[in-house]
Structures are given as C-alpha cells and as structure tokens.
Amino acid sequence: MTTISQAPPAAEQAGAPTAAEVAALIAEAPTPRPTLVKTFSAMMAREFRVLRRNAVATFTRAVMQPLLFVFVFAYVFPKIGGGFMLGGSTAAASAGAAAGGVNFATILVPGLMASMLLMQGIMAVTFPLVMEFSWQRTIEDRALAPVPIRVLAIQKITAGAVQSFLGALIVFPIVLLVHAPGQAPQVDVTNWALFAFILVFASLLTASLGLLLGTIMDPRKMQMLFAVILLPATMLGCVYYPWAALSHIRWLQIAVLINPMVYMSEGLRAVLTPSLPHMPMWAVLLALVGGTVVFGYLGTRTFTKRVLN
C-alpha cells in the first residue's frame, strides 16, 4: 500500500511561526501594567479627539447665544436710543456715558461669561452621560478600564471643565468687540491670577453639577433641564444686573444666593469690571471652591451607584 505524504501548509512553507512558537511568545510577553496616570491620560486623549472632531458644532453652540445677546443689547439698543445705563438714564448710550453711567455692555461681559460656563459645563457632561447610560450603553466599556469607577467620574468632570473653560475664552473677545460705536465695555482685569482661578473653579463647579444632574435625572425628562434648571439659573444668576442691584427686592437678593451662577457672575464682575458693585470676594471663592467639592462628591457617589446598578 502506497503512503501518500501530506504537503505542509503554505504558512509553514513561507517560514511562519508554528503554534508552539506563538504560544511561547505569548508566555514570554511582559505583563501589561497600566498605571492610573496612563489610563486617565488615555481617556482624556479620547475626549479631546471627540472634541476636535466636533469642533465646528462646539464652536457654533458656544458662540451663538452670547453673540445674539451682545448684538441686541450692546449694538441694536444703543443704535435705536434704548441703551440701558446703570447709574445713568435711559437716553442715548453716549449721553449716559458722558454723565458717568455704566453701559450695559460692561454689565454683560462677566454675566455672559458666567452663562457660558454654566451652559457649556452642564451640556458637555450631562448629555453624553444620558446617551452612555441609556441607549448607547457605552458606559459599560468605560467601566472596564483598569481604574476605580470614581476616577472615571473625575475624568468626566475634568473633560467637562475643559470644554466649559474653552467656551468662556471664546465668549470673552465677542463681548469685548461687538458693540455700538462709543459703547465699548469698560473692562479692567485687576488680577490675572485671580481671574484664572475663578475661571478654573467655575468650570469645575459646572462640570461637577453636570455630572450630578446626568446621574440623577430621568433620560426621558431631559427637556426639564432647560425649563427648571438652566433658564431660572440664567435669569436669576446676576447675568444682566449686579447682585447689589437687587437690594430693592431684599427677599429675592437672599433667595438667589442658592444659585451657583450668582457667584460666578459676581466673581468675574469683581476682576473684570471693578467699577461695578459686586459681592465680597471671600464669599465668591468660598462658594466656588465649596460648591466644587460638594457637587463633585455627590456626583461621584451617584455616578458610581449608577454604573454599578
């Protein structure tokens, strides 16, 4: 009986490694040792990549609202003779400025920056969380990262704070440049270090609040976020008027102190437009730092529970 020898596979003929050699390579491969810093950096790199891909949409979202507000109140109103002056009259803005009043563009600079910090910080954290926890379920992939879940929550806060900070930087030149002739805002940065400190902690505060809202709100009722939280926070957040101007409505002046946006507006008002009355700086810093710690702690706890459940 003739024995027919079987030809070796084409891969072995080409000099490819055998199964035993592959197994030996796997056994001798170094064990991956991911560190906390490396993993955190990788997650942040992913966030920046997504932000870069959505740069046009993010820029448009950050620009449109403050641009329209500044255009109407700082350009259109003075042009038609309806400019608002703090400490002046409701006559033409130039006449009010000559009389020593503060034009509305000056009031809008810190207020609109605070508004953008709140909007951008919450939207950058809350909306992605809703998608990750609901239909996309991508949060399960994130939870497999070799870091504690609370680190994942901190990464969410950091990424949202970066977007909030960038949004405020985008708004700043807009509120400075868009105005009617002779209606330039009177901006004088008295302390750049304090200005940066307020921006950083305001960004962290809004991102921490966004993490908390994104983990406790029902995804089916997200439209309530604008009606119940964002709109009242903006209208009663000292965006269009200083906190001291509410002294004639004492109960409202006290009630708005629960609004974190008040402290962001007043803190920016103190360092950008010191000619306007503003809240004491110690109260602003206490609220920003304390609010970041409180909302960050609560948001991390609710995020951890939500992921585990």
Protein backbone atom coordinates (compact mmCIF):
# COMPACT_ATOMS: atom_id res chain seq x y z
CA MET A 1 0.00 0.00 0.00
CA THR A 2 1.45 3.29 -1.07
CA THR A 3 1.78 6.03 1.61
CA ILE A 4 0.89 9.47 0.42
CA SER A 5 2.79 12.19 2.26
CA GLN A 6 0.73 15.30 3.12
CA ALA A 7 2.26 18.59 1.96
CA PRO A 8 2.99 21.10 4.73
CA PRO A 9 0.68 24.12 4.95
CA ALA A 10 1.55 27.15 2.88
CA ALA A 11 2.16 29.25 6.01
CA GLU A 12 4.78 26.82 7.30
CA GLN A 13 6.39 26.71 3.88
CA ALA A 14 6.70 30.50 3.99
CA GLY A 15 8.55 30.34 7.29
CA ALA A 16 5.68 31.49 9.51
CA PRO A 17 5.98 30.66 13.24
CA THR A 18 4.38 27.48 14.40
CA ALA A 19 1.66 27.27 17.02
CA ALA A 20 4.21 26.30 19.66
CA GLU A 21 6.36 29.31 18.85
CA VAL A 22 3.36 31.65 19.06
CA ALA A 23 2.42 30.19 22.43
CA ALA A 24 5.97 30.72 23.65
CA LEU A 25 5.91 34.35 22.53
CA ILE A 26 2.67 34.94 24.40
CA ALA A 27 4.01 33.29 27.53
CA GLU A 28 7.19 35.36 27.46
CA ALA A 29 5.41 38.67 26.70
CA PRO A 30 5.64 41.22 29.53
CA THR A 31 2.53 41.65 31.61
CA PRO A 32 0.80 44.97 30.83
CA ARG A 33 0.97 47.29 33.82
CA PRO A 34 -1.42 50.16 33.23
CA THR A 35 -0.96 52.98 35.68
CA LEU A 36 -3.58 55.39 36.90
CA VAL A 37 -1.91 58.29 35.12
CA LYS A 38 -1.60 56.46 31.80
CA THR A 39 -5.21 55.30 31.86
CA PHE A 40 -6.50 58.73 32.82
CA SER A 41 -4.40 60.32 30.06
CA ALA A 42 -5.75 57.84 27.51
CA MET A 43 -9.35 58.64 28.45
CA MET A 44 -8.65 62.37 28.25
CA ALA A 45 -7.00 61.89 24.86
CA ARG A 46 -10.16 60.24 23.63
CA GLU A 47 -12.24 63.18 24.90
CA PHE A 48 -10.00 65.66 23.09
CA ARG A 49 -10.20 63.63 19.90
CA VAL A 50 -14.00 63.70 20.03
CA LEU A 51 -13.92 67.42 20.82
CA ARG A 52 -11.64 68.04 17.84
CA ARG A 53 -13.94 66.12 15.52
CA ASN A 54 -16.93 68.14 16.76
CA ALA A 55 -15.04 71.43 16.88
CA VAL A 56 -17.37 73.24 14.45
CA ALA A 57 -20.54 72.23 16.30
CA THR A 58 -19.00 73.06 19.68
CA PHE A 59 -17.79 76.46 18.48
CA THR A 60 -21.19 77.31 16.97
CA ARG A 61 -23.01 76.28 20.14
CA ALA A 62 -20.65 78.38 22.26
CA VAL A 63 -20.85 81.48 20.07
CA MET A 64 -24.49 81.86 19.01
CA GLN A 65 -26.20 82.71 22.31
CA PRO A 66 -23.71 85.32 23.61
CA LEU A 67 -23.31 86.79 20.15
CA LEU A 68 -27.05 87.39 19.81
CA PHE A 69 -27.32 88.85 23.32
CA VAL A 70 -24.41 91.22 22.80
CA PHE A 71 -25.60 92.20 19.32
CA VAL A 72 -29.09 93.10 20.55
CA PHE A 73 -28.26 94.75 23.88
CA ALA A 74 -24.88 96.33 23.12
CA TYR A 75 -25.34 97.22 19.44
CA VAL A 76 -29.02 97.38 18.44
CA PHE A 77 -30.43 99.04 21.57
CA PRO A 78 -27.88 101.90 21.68
CA LYS A 79 -28.41 102.43 17.95
CA ILE A 80 -32.16 102.89 18.39
CA GLY A 81 -31.78 105.00 21.52
CA GLY A 82 -32.77 102.38 24.06
CA GLY A 83 -29.46 101.66 25.71
CA PHE A 84 -29.62 100.77 29.41
CA MET A 85 -27.29 102.65 31.71
CA LEU A 86 -26.54 101.70 35.30
CA GLY A 87 -26.40 104.88 37.26
CA GLY A 88 -27.43 106.93 34.23
CA SER A 89 -30.64 107.46 32.28
CA THR A 90 -32.40 105.56 29.54
CA ALA A 91 -31.44 108.15 26.96
CA ALA A 92 -28.87 107.54 24.31
CA ALA A 93 -25.94 105.47 25.49
CA SER A 94 -23.40 108.14 24.65
CA ALA A 95 -25.22 110.70 26.75
CA GLY A 96 -25.37 108.24 29.61
CA ALA A 97 -21.68 107.50 29.36
CA ALA A 98 -20.89 111.19 29.43
CA ALA A 99 -22.98 111.51 32.59
CA GLY A 100 -20.89 108.88 34.31
CA GLY A 101 -23.18 105.85 33.87
CA VAL A 102 -22.01 102.32 33.13
CA ASN A 103 -23.24 100.98 29.82
CA PHE A 104 -24.97 97.65 29.51
CA ALA A 105 -22.09 96.12 27.56
CA THR A 106 -19.95 96.43 30.70
CA ILE A 107 -22.58 94.57 32.72
CA LEU A 108 -22.85 91.84 30.10
CA VAL A 109 -19.15 90.92 29.97
CA PRO A 110 -18.93 88.93 33.24
CA GLY A 111 -22.56 87.81 33.08
CA LEU A 112 -22.34 86.22 29.65
CA MET A 113 -19.04 84.55 30.51
CA ALA A 114 -20.69 83.02 33.58
CA SER A 115 -23.67 81.97 31.48
CA MET A 116 -21.39 80.22 29.02
CA LEU A 117 -19.51 78.50 31.84
CA LEU A 118 -22.76 77.08 33.19
CA MET A 119 -24.26 76.08 29.83
CA GLN A 120 -21.12 74.54 28.40
CA GLY A 121 -20.13 72.74 31.59
CA ILE A 122 -23.51 71.11 32.11
CA MET A 123 -24.14 70.25 28.46
CA ALA A 124 -20.65 68.79 28.00
CA VAL A 125 -21.21 66.30 30.84
CA THR A 126 -24.95 65.73 31.22
CA PHE A 127 -25.96 64.97 27.63
CA PRO A 128 -23.13 62.47 26.90
CA LEU A 129 -23.91 60.72 30.20
CA VAL A 130 -27.56 60.36 29.26
CA MET A 131 -26.60 58.66 26.00
CA GLU A 132 -23.99 56.44 27.65
CA PHE A 133 -26.38 55.30 30.37
CA SER A 134 -29.40 54.77 28.10
CA TRP A 135 -29.44 53.51 24.52
CA GLN A 136 -25.73 53.53 23.72
CA ARG A 137 -24.62 51.67 26.88
CA THR A 138 -21.03 52.71 26.19
CA ILE A 139 -20.54 53.40 29.88
CA GLU A 140 -20.02 49.65 30.33
CA ASP A 141 -16.89 49.83 28.15
CA ARG A 142 -15.58 52.76 30.18
CA ALA A 143 -16.19 50.87 33.42
CA LEU A 144 -13.85 48.12 32.24
CA ALA A 145 -10.89 50.50 32.36
CA PRO A 146 -8.26 49.42 34.94
CA VAL A 147 -9.09 52.31 37.29
CA PRO A 148 -11.62 52.77 40.10
CA ILE A 149 -15.02 54.00 38.97
CA ARG A 150 -14.61 57.23 40.91
CA VAL A 151 -11.59 58.02 38.70
CA LEU A 152 -13.84 57.67 35.68
CA ALA A 153 -16.21 60.19 37.30
CA ILE A 154 -13.31 62.59 37.92
CA GLN A 155 -12.30 62.21 34.28
CA LYS A 156 -15.83 63.18 33.21
CA ILE A 157 -15.65 66.29 35.39
CA THR A 158 -12.22 67.22 34.04
CA ALA A 159 -13.28 66.83 30.41
CA GLY A 160 -16.43 68.91 31.00
CA ALA A 161 -14.44 71.59 32.82
CA VAL A 162 -12.04 71.89 29.88
CA GLN A 163 -14.92 72.46 27.48
CA SER A 164 -16.50 74.98 29.85
CA PHE A 165 -13.21 76.86 30.19
CA LEU A 166 -12.73 76.97 26.41
CA GLY A 167 -16.30 78.22 25.96
CA ALA A 168 -15.66 81.13 28.33
CA LEU A 169 -12.48 82.01 26.44
CA ILE A 170 -14.42 82.04 23.18
CA VAL A 171 -17.06 84.39 24.61
CA PHE A 172 -14.59 86.87 26.07
CA PRO A 173 -13.46 88.53 22.79
CA ILE A 174 -17.04 88.52 21.48
CA VAL A 175 -18.40 90.59 24.35
CA LEU A 176 -15.41 92.92 24.06
CA LEU A 177 -15.63 93.56 20.32
CA VAL A 178 -19.36 93.50 19.45
CA HIS A 179 -20.89 96.84 20.47
CA ALA A 180 -22.18 100.10 19.06
CA PRO A 181 -19.72 102.97 18.46
CA GLY A 182 -18.77 104.56 21.75
CA GLN A 183 -20.27 101.66 23.73
CA ALA A 184 -17.17 99.59 24.40
CA PRO A 185 -17.35 97.76 27.74
CA GLN A 186 -15.16 99.17 30.48
CA VAL A 187 -13.06 96.10 31.28
CA ASP A 188 -10.05 96.27 33.58
CA VAL A 189 -8.55 92.97 34.74
CA THR A 190 -7.26 93.82 38.17
CA ASN A 191 -5.74 90.42 38.98
CA TRP A 192 -4.95 87.90 36.23
CA ALA A 193 -4.15 85.10 38.69
CA LEU A 194 -7.49 85.57 40.45
CA PHE A 195 -9.23 85.75 37.06
CA ALA A 196 -7.74 82.37 36.07
CA PHE A 197 -8.57 80.88 39.47
CA ILE A 198 -12.22 81.89 39.18
CA LEU A 199 -12.46 80.52 35.63
CA VAL A 200 -10.94 77.19 36.63
CA PHE A 201 -13.13 76.61 39.67
CA ALA A 202 -16.25 77.89 37.92
CA SER A 203 -15.57 75.35 35.15
CA LEU A 204 -15.05 72.55 37.68
CA LEU A 205 -18.20 73.57 39.55
CA THR A 206 -20.42 73.49 36.46
CA ALA A 207 -18.94 70.18 35.27
CA SER A 208 -19.48 68.64 38.72
CA LEU A 209 -23.07 69.87 38.68
CA GLY A 210 -23.47 68.38 35.20
CA LEU A 211 -22.22 65.01 36.47
CA LEU A 212 -24.71 65.09 39.32
CA LEU A 213 -27.63 66.03 37.07
CA GLY A 214 -26.67 63.46 34.45
CA THR A 215 -26.77 60.64 37.00
CA ILE A 216 -29.97 61.55 38.87
CA MET A 217 -32.25 62.80 36.10
CA ASP A 218 -34.57 60.55 34.14
CA PRO A 219 -33.38 60.49 30.50
CA ARG A 220 -37.00 60.76 29.35
CA LYS A 221 -37.36 64.09 31.12
CA MET A 222 -34.19 65.81 29.97
CA GLN A 223 -36.21 68.67 28.46
CA MET A 224 -36.96 69.70 32.04
CA LEU A 225 -33.29 70.57 32.43
CA PHE A 226 -33.78 73.79 30.47
CA ALA A 227 -37.16 74.75 31.91
CA VAL A 228 -36.45 74.03 35.57
CA ILE A 229 -32.68 74.50 35.94
CA LEU A 230 -30.85 76.33 33.15
CA LEU A 231 -33.39 79.05 32.38
CA PRO A 232 -34.06 80.08 36.03
CA ALA A 233 -30.34 79.85 36.82
CA THR A 234 -29.55 82.23 33.95
CA MET A 235 -32.35 84.73 34.54
CA LEU A 236 -31.68 84.87 38.31
CA GLY A 237 -27.90 84.45 38.09
CA CYS A 238 -26.94 88.15 38.04
CA VAL A 239 -26.08 87.93 34.35
CA TYR A 240 -27.88 91.12 33.31
CA TYR A 241 -27.54 93.04 36.57
CA PRO A 242 -25.20 93.10 39.59
CA TRP A 243 -26.24 91.30 42.74
CA ALA A 244 -26.15 94.60 44.65
CA ALA A 245 -28.87 95.97 42.36
CA LEU A 246 -31.33 93.51 43.94
CA SER A 247 -31.15 95.36 47.27
CA HIS A 248 -34.55 96.91 46.50
CA ILE A 249 -36.02 93.37 46.45
CA ARG A 250 -34.39 92.04 49.57
CA TRP A 251 -36.12 88.65 49.64
CA LEU A 252 -35.02 87.95 46.07
CA GLN A 253 -31.47 89.09 46.79
CA ILE A 254 -31.29 86.48 49.55
CA ALA A 255 -33.10 83.76 47.59
CA VAL A 256 -30.72 83.87 44.60
CA LEU A 257 -27.80 83.01 46.86
CA ILE A 258 -28.63 79.32 46.33
CA ASN A 259 -27.82 79.78 42.63
CA PRO A 260 -24.18 78.88 41.86
CA MET A 261 -24.24 81.14 38.82
CA VAL A 262 -24.57 84.22 41.05
CA TYR A 263 -21.10 83.61 42.47
CA MET A 264 -19.59 83.00 39.04
CA SER A 265 -21.08 86.25 37.70
CA GLU A 266 -20.07 88.26 40.75
CA GLY A 267 -16.57 86.81 40.86
CA LEU A 268 -15.94 87.66 37.22
CA ARG A 269 -17.53 91.07 37.77
CA ALA A 270 -15.08 91.77 40.58
CA VAL A 271 -12.00 91.04 38.47
CA LEU A 272 -13.22 92.28 35.07
CA THR A 273 -15.38 95.31 35.88
CA PRO A 274 -14.34 96.52 39.34
CA SER A 275 -16.18 99.82 38.72
CA LEU A 276 -19.45 97.93 39.26
CA PRO A 277 -20.68 96.92 42.72
CA HIS A 278 -20.01 93.25 43.38
CA MET A 279 -20.18 90.58 46.05
CA PRO A 280 -17.28 90.24 48.54
CA MET A 281 -14.53 88.09 47.08
CA TRP A 282 -14.33 85.83 50.14
CA ALA A 283 -17.96 84.81 49.59
CA VAL A 284 -17.33 84.14 45.89
CA LEU A 285 -14.25 81.98 46.49
CA LEU A 286 -15.92 80.08 49.33
CA ALA A 287 -18.94 79.29 47.14
CA LEU A 288 -16.89 78.27 44.10
CA VAL A 289 -14.42 76.03 45.95
CA GLY A 290 -17.02 74.66 48.37
CA GLY A 291 -19.55 74.09 45.60
CA THR A 292 -16.97 72.21 43.52
CA VAL A 293 -16.17 69.92 46.46
CA VAL A 294 -19.83 69.30 47.36
CA PHE A 295 -21.14 68.75 43.83
CA GLY A 296 -18.05 66.73 42.92
CA TYR A 297 -18.52 64.44 45.92
CA LEU A 298 -22.25 63.97 45.32
CA GLY A 299 -21.79 63.50 41.58
CA THR A 300 -19.05 60.89 42.09
CA ARG A 301 -21.25 58.93 44.50
CA THR A 302 -24.31 58.94 42.26
CA PHE A 303 -22.17 58.11 39.21
CA THR A 304 -20.61 55.11 40.99
CA LYS A 305 -24.02 53.81 42.09
CA ARG A 306 -25.46 54.28 38.61
CA VAL A 307 -22.59 52.39 36.95
CA LEU A 308 -22.74 49.51 39.43
CA ASN A 309 -26.50 49.20 39.01
